[in-house]
Each structure stands twice: as structure tokens, then as C-alpha cells.
Amino acid sequence: MVYKIDDSREIIFIELSSIEETTDFFNLKNTIIEKLDESKYDVVVDLKNVNYVDSMCLGVLISIQKKVLEYGGSFVIKTLSADLKKLLQANKVKNILEI
């Protein structure tokens, strides 16, 4: 998995791409939790370069969202491809994550 984090503003902006290796998901989660401890509570995840997410990725995104909401922040997923949006809708993930 390849990701880029920009926390230079009040929000944490995550751009995901190339979700082929799942080993970095937990590193991403831990990095975001560290940022939450630095009082940055709003998270935006950009999936414009992602065509598919597996259950591990979804689990990590849901886990990050839960933690962000515990801190009173907001968690938004943006810029989904049409295929990925259909996949998330079919799995009813859209009801859990703010897209």
C-alpha cells in the first residue's frame, strides 16, 4: 500500500493509492492515532487512485473513523471511483463510513 499524509493544516489529509500490500494498514492506523494525540481531529481520506479495497483496508478505515469520532473529530472519504463506490454500496459500507 502506498499512502501520503499531509497534516500541515488543521486536518489530516490521507491520499491512498496502490492498495496491493496490506502490511502498511496498521502503520497507517498507528500514524493517524499519533496525529490525533497531537490535537488534529479531522481526517479526509482521498481514494481517487484506488479501484479496489479489501476487507482489511475497510476494517482499518472503520477503525480510524471510530477513533476519530471518539476524539470528537470528523472522518470523510472523498473522490471515489464509480467502481469503488458501487463496491462500497453493495457491501453496505456506505452506511458506516461517511462518503
N, C-alpha and C. Protein backbone atom coordinates (compact mmCIF):
# COMPACT_ATOMS: atom_id res chain seq x y z
N MET A 1 0.84 -1.17 0.00
CA MET A 1 0.00 0.00 0.00
C MET A 1 0.88 1.23 0.00
N VAL A 2 0.47 2.20 -0.75
CA VAL A 2 1.17 3.47 -0.79
C VAL A 2 0.22 4.54 -0.27
N TYR A 3 0.70 5.34 0.66
CA TYR A 3 -0.12 6.44 1.14
C TYR A 3 0.75 7.65 1.43
N LYS A 4 0.10 8.79 1.38
CA LYS A 4 0.77 10.05 1.67
C LYS A 4 -0.11 10.79 2.68
N ILE A 5 0.51 11.31 3.73
CA ILE A 5 -0.22 12.03 4.75
C ILE A 5 0.25 13.48 4.77
N ASP A 6 -0.71 14.39 4.72
CA ASP A 6 -0.42 15.82 4.84
C ASP A 6 -1.16 16.33 6.07
N ASP A 7 -0.41 16.68 7.09
CA ASP A 7 -1.03 17.20 8.30
C ASP A 7 -0.56 18.63 8.59
N SER A 8 -0.23 19.34 7.52
CA SER A 8 0.30 20.70 7.68
C SER A 8 -0.80 21.71 8.04
N ARG A 9 -2.04 21.31 7.87
CA ARG A 9 -3.16 22.18 8.22
C ARG A 9 -3.87 21.62 9.44
N GLU A 10 -5.04 22.08 9.71
CA GLU A 10 -5.81 21.61 10.86
C GLU A 10 -6.37 20.20 10.65
N ILE A 11 -6.39 19.75 9.40
CA ILE A 11 -6.91 18.42 9.12
C ILE A 11 -5.76 17.47 8.77
N ILE A 12 -6.06 16.20 8.85
CA ILE A 12 -5.14 15.17 8.39
C ILE A 12 -5.68 14.70 7.04
N PHE A 13 -4.92 14.92 6.00
CA PHE A 13 -5.33 14.53 4.64
C PHE A 13 -4.52 13.31 4.24
N ILE A 14 -5.22 12.23 3.91
CA ILE A 14 -4.56 10.97 3.52
C ILE A 14 -4.93 10.65 2.09
N GLU A 15 -3.93 10.48 1.26
CA GLU A 15 -4.16 10.07 -0.12
C GLU A 15 -3.66 8.64 -0.28
N LEU A 16 -4.58 7.72 -0.53
CA LEU A 16 -4.22 6.32 -0.70
C LEU A 16 -4.08 5.98 -2.17
N SER A 17 -3.15 5.11 -2.47
CA SER A 17 -3.02 4.59 -3.83
C SER A 17 -2.35 3.23 -3.75
N SER A 18 -2.55 2.44 -4.74
CA SER A 18 -1.89 1.14 -4.84
C SER A 18 -2.07 0.30 -3.59
N ILE A 19 -3.30 -0.12 -3.35
CA ILE A 19 -3.56 -0.96 -2.19
C ILE A 19 -3.36 -2.41 -2.59
N GLU A 20 -2.12 -2.81 -2.69
CA GLU A 20 -1.78 -4.18 -3.05
C GLU A 20 -1.18 -4.93 -1.88
N GLU A 21 -0.44 -4.24 -1.06
CA GLU A 21 0.16 -4.85 0.12
C GLU A 21 -0.60 -4.37 1.33
N THR A 22 -0.99 -5.28 2.19
CA THR A 22 -1.80 -4.92 3.34
C THR A 22 -0.98 -4.71 4.61
N THR A 23 0.31 -4.89 4.56
CA THR A 23 1.13 -4.80 5.77
C THR A 23 1.20 -3.39 6.33
N ASP A 24 1.01 -2.37 5.49
CA ASP A 24 1.12 -1.00 5.96
C ASP A 24 -0.17 -0.44 6.56
N PHE A 25 -1.26 -1.18 6.50
CA PHE A 25 -2.51 -0.66 7.03
C PHE A 25 -2.41 -0.32 8.50
N PHE A 26 -1.76 -1.19 9.26
CA PHE A 26 -1.66 -0.95 10.70
C PHE A 26 -0.70 0.19 10.99
N ASN A 27 0.33 0.35 10.16
CA ASN A 27 1.21 1.52 10.30
C ASN A 27 0.43 2.80 10.05
N LEU A 28 -0.43 2.78 9.05
CA LEU A 28 -1.28 3.93 8.76
C LEU A 28 -2.17 4.24 9.95
N LYS A 29 -2.81 3.22 10.47
CA LYS A 29 -3.70 3.41 11.63
C LYS A 29 -2.94 4.00 12.81
N ASN A 30 -1.78 3.45 13.12
CA ASN A 30 -0.99 3.95 14.25
C ASN A 30 -0.53 5.38 14.02
N THR A 31 -0.16 5.71 12.79
CA THR A 31 0.26 7.07 12.46
C THR A 31 -0.89 8.05 12.67
N ILE A 32 -2.08 7.67 12.24
CA ILE A 32 -3.25 8.55 12.41
C ILE A 32 -3.56 8.72 13.90
N ILE A 33 -3.48 7.66 14.67
CA ILE A 33 -3.74 7.77 16.11
C ILE A 33 -2.74 8.72 16.76
N GLU A 34 -1.47 8.66 16.34
CA GLU A 34 -0.47 9.60 16.86
C GLU A 34 -0.84 11.04 16.51
N LYS A 35 -1.33 11.25 15.29
CA LYS A 35 -1.74 12.60 14.87
C LYS A 35 -2.93 13.08 15.70
N LEU A 36 -3.84 12.16 16.04
CA LEU A 36 -4.97 12.53 16.88
C LEU A 36 -4.49 12.99 18.25
N ASP A 37 -3.46 12.35 18.74
CA ASP A 37 -2.88 12.76 20.02
C ASP A 37 -2.24 14.14 19.95
N GLU A 38 -1.97 14.61 18.72
CA GLU A 38 -1.41 15.95 18.52
C GLU A 38 -2.52 16.98 18.28
N SER A 39 -3.76 16.62 18.62
CA SER A 39 -4.93 17.51 18.53
C SER A 39 -5.36 17.82 17.10
N LYS A 40 -5.13 16.92 16.18
CA LYS A 40 -5.64 17.06 14.81
C LYS A 40 -6.74 16.01 14.67
N TYR A 41 -7.99 16.48 14.71
CA TYR A 41 -9.10 15.55 14.84
C TYR A 41 -9.90 15.31 13.57
N ASP A 42 -9.68 16.08 12.55
CA ASP A 42 -10.46 15.92 11.32
C ASP A 42 -9.62 15.21 10.27
N VAL A 43 -10.17 14.15 9.70
CA VAL A 43 -9.44 13.31 8.75
C VAL A 43 -10.22 13.23 7.43
N VAL A 44 -9.51 13.45 6.33
CA VAL A 44 -10.07 13.28 4.99
C VAL A 44 -9.22 12.23 4.28
N VAL A 45 -9.89 11.22 3.74
CA VAL A 45 -9.20 10.16 3.00
C VAL A 45 -9.59 10.28 1.53
N ASP A 46 -8.60 10.44 0.69
CA ASP A 46 -8.81 10.57 -0.75
C ASP A 46 -8.51 9.23 -1.42
N LEU A 47 -9.50 8.67 -2.08
CA LEU A 47 -9.34 7.36 -2.74
C LEU A 47 -9.38 7.47 -4.26
N LYS A 48 -9.03 8.62 -4.79
CA LYS A 48 -9.14 8.80 -6.25
C LYS A 48 -8.25 7.86 -7.04
N ASN A 49 -7.16 7.38 -6.45
CA ASN A 49 -6.25 6.48 -7.16
C ASN A 49 -6.45 5.02 -6.77
N VAL A 50 -7.57 4.71 -6.14
CA VAL A 50 -7.84 3.35 -5.67
C VAL A 50 -9.05 2.80 -6.41
N ASN A 51 -8.90 1.61 -6.96
CA ASN A 51 -10.01 0.97 -7.67
C ASN A 51 -10.64 -0.16 -6.87
N TYR A 52 -9.95 -0.64 -5.85
CA TYR A 52 -10.44 -1.77 -5.07
C TYR A 52 -9.92 -1.67 -3.65
N VAL A 53 -10.74 -2.01 -2.68
CA VAL A 53 -10.29 -2.14 -1.30
C VAL A 53 -10.74 -3.49 -0.77
N ASP A 54 -9.89 -4.12 0.00
CA ASP A 54 -10.26 -5.41 0.56
C ASP A 54 -10.80 -5.22 1.97
N SER A 55 -11.19 -6.31 2.61
CA SER A 55 -11.81 -6.22 3.93
C SER A 55 -10.84 -5.68 4.98
N MET A 56 -9.56 -5.95 4.83
CA MET A 56 -8.59 -5.42 5.79
C MET A 56 -8.53 -3.90 5.70
N CYS A 57 -8.50 -3.38 4.50
CA CYS A 57 -8.48 -1.93 4.31
C CYS A 57 -9.74 -1.30 4.89
N LEU A 58 -10.89 -1.88 4.59
CA LEU A 58 -12.15 -1.36 5.13
C LEU A 58 -12.14 -1.40 6.65
N GLY A 59 -11.64 -2.47 7.21
CA GLY A 59 -11.57 -2.59 8.67
C GLY A 59 -10.71 -1.51 9.28
N VAL A 60 -9.58 -1.22 8.66
CA VAL A 60 -8.69 -0.17 9.17
C VAL A 60 -9.35 1.19 9.03
N LEU A 61 -10.01 1.46 7.89
CA LEU A 61 -10.69 2.74 7.71
C LEU A 61 -11.79 2.92 8.75
N ILE A 62 -12.55 1.86 9.01
CA ILE A 62 -13.62 1.93 10.02
C ILE A 62 -13.02 2.14 11.41
N SER A 63 -11.92 1.47 11.68
CA SER A 63 -11.25 1.62 12.97
C SER A 63 -10.73 3.05 13.16
N ILE A 64 -10.14 3.62 12.11
CA ILE A 64 -9.67 5.00 12.18
C ILE A 64 -10.85 5.94 12.40
N GLN A 65 -11.94 5.71 11.65
CA GLN A 65 -13.12 6.55 11.82
C GLN A 65 -13.62 6.50 13.26
N LYS A 66 -13.70 5.32 13.82
CA LYS A 66 -14.18 5.16 15.20
C LYS A 66 -13.32 5.97 16.16
N LYS A 67 -12.01 5.88 15.99
CA LYS A 67 -11.09 6.60 16.87
C LYS A 67 -11.25 8.11 16.71
N VAL A 68 -11.36 8.57 15.45
CA VAL A 68 -11.54 9.99 15.17
C VAL A 68 -12.82 10.50 15.84
N LEU A 69 -13.90 9.74 15.72
CA LEU A 69 -15.17 10.14 16.33
C LEU A 69 -15.09 10.17 17.85
N GLU A 70 -14.30 9.25 18.43
CA GLU A 70 -14.09 9.28 19.88
C GLU A 70 -13.43 10.58 20.32
N TYR A 71 -12.58 11.13 19.49
CA TYR A 71 -11.92 12.40 19.77
C TYR A 71 -12.81 13.60 19.45
N GLY A 72 -14.00 13.34 18.91
CA GLY A 72 -14.91 14.42 18.56
C GLY A 72 -14.62 15.04 17.20
N GLY A 73 -13.85 14.35 16.39
CA GLY A 73 -13.50 14.87 15.07
C GLY A 73 -14.42 14.36 13.98
N SER A 74 -14.03 14.61 12.75
CA SER A 74 -14.81 14.15 11.60
C SER A 74 -13.92 13.30 10.70
N PHE A 75 -14.55 12.37 10.00
CA PHE A 75 -13.85 11.44 9.12
C PHE A 75 -14.64 11.36 7.83
N VAL A 76 -14.01 11.71 6.72
CA VAL A 76 -14.69 11.74 5.43
C VAL A 76 -13.84 11.04 4.38
N ILE A 77 -14.50 10.23 3.56
CA ILE A 77 -13.83 9.62 2.40
C ILE A 77 -14.32 10.37 1.18
N LYS A 78 -13.38 10.78 0.31
CA LYS A 78 -13.78 11.55 -0.87
C LYS A 78 -13.13 10.99 -2.13
N THR A 79 -13.61 11.45 -3.24
CA THR A 79 -13.10 11.16 -4.57
C THR A 79 -13.00 9.66 -4.84
N LEU A 80 -14.14 9.00 -4.79
CA LEU A 80 -14.20 7.57 -5.10
C LEU A 80 -14.43 7.35 -6.58
N SER A 81 -13.82 6.31 -7.11
CA SER A 81 -14.14 5.91 -8.48
C SER A 81 -15.55 5.32 -8.49
N ALA A 82 -16.18 5.30 -9.63
CA ALA A 82 -17.54 4.74 -9.75
C ALA A 82 -17.57 3.28 -9.32
N ASP A 83 -16.55 2.52 -9.71
CA ASP A 83 -16.49 1.10 -9.36
C ASP A 83 -16.36 0.90 -7.85
N LEU A 84 -15.51 1.70 -7.24
CA LEU A 84 -15.31 1.57 -5.80
C LEU A 84 -16.57 2.00 -5.04
N LYS A 85 -17.23 3.02 -5.52
CA LYS A 85 -18.48 3.47 -4.90
C LYS A 85 -19.53 2.36 -4.95
N LYS A 86 -19.63 1.69 -6.10
CA LYS A 86 -20.58 0.58 -6.24
C LYS A 86 -20.23 -0.55 -5.28
N LEU A 87 -18.94 -0.86 -5.17
CA LEU A 87 -18.48 -1.91 -4.27
C LEU A 87 -18.85 -1.60 -2.82
N LEU A 88 -18.62 -0.36 -2.41
CA LEU A 88 -18.94 0.03 -1.04
C LEU A 88 -20.44 0.03 -0.79
N GLN A 89 -21.21 0.44 -1.78
CA GLN A 89 -22.66 0.42 -1.64
C GLN A 89 -23.18 -1.01 -1.56
N ALA A 90 -22.62 -1.89 -2.38
CA ALA A 90 -23.06 -3.29 -2.40
C ALA A 90 -22.78 -3.97 -1.06
N ASN A 91 -21.72 -3.56 -0.41
CA ASN A 91 -21.35 -4.16 0.88
C ASN A 91 -21.90 -3.37 2.06
N LYS A 92 -22.74 -2.39 1.78
CA LYS A 92 -23.39 -1.56 2.79
C LYS A 92 -22.40 -0.80 3.67
N VAL A 93 -21.18 -0.66 3.19
CA VAL A 93 -20.17 0.10 3.92
C VAL A 93 -20.51 1.58 3.90
N LYS A 94 -21.21 2.00 2.86
CA LYS A 94 -21.58 3.40 2.75
C LYS A 94 -22.43 3.86 3.94
N ASN A 95 -23.13 2.90 4.58
CA ASN A 95 -23.93 3.22 5.75
C ASN A 95 -23.08 3.42 7.00
N ILE A 96 -21.84 2.95 6.96
CA ILE A 96 -20.95 3.03 8.12
C ILE A 96 -19.98 4.21 7.97
N LEU A 97 -19.37 4.33 6.80
CA LEU A 97 -18.38 5.38 6.55
C LEU A 97 -19.04 6.57 5.88
N GLU A 98 -18.60 7.77 6.22
CA GLU A 98 -19.11 8.97 5.56
C GLU A 98 -18.39 9.15 4.24
N ILE A 99 -19.15 9.05 3.17
CA ILE A 99 -18.57 9.15 1.82
C ILE A 99 -19.19 10.33 1.11
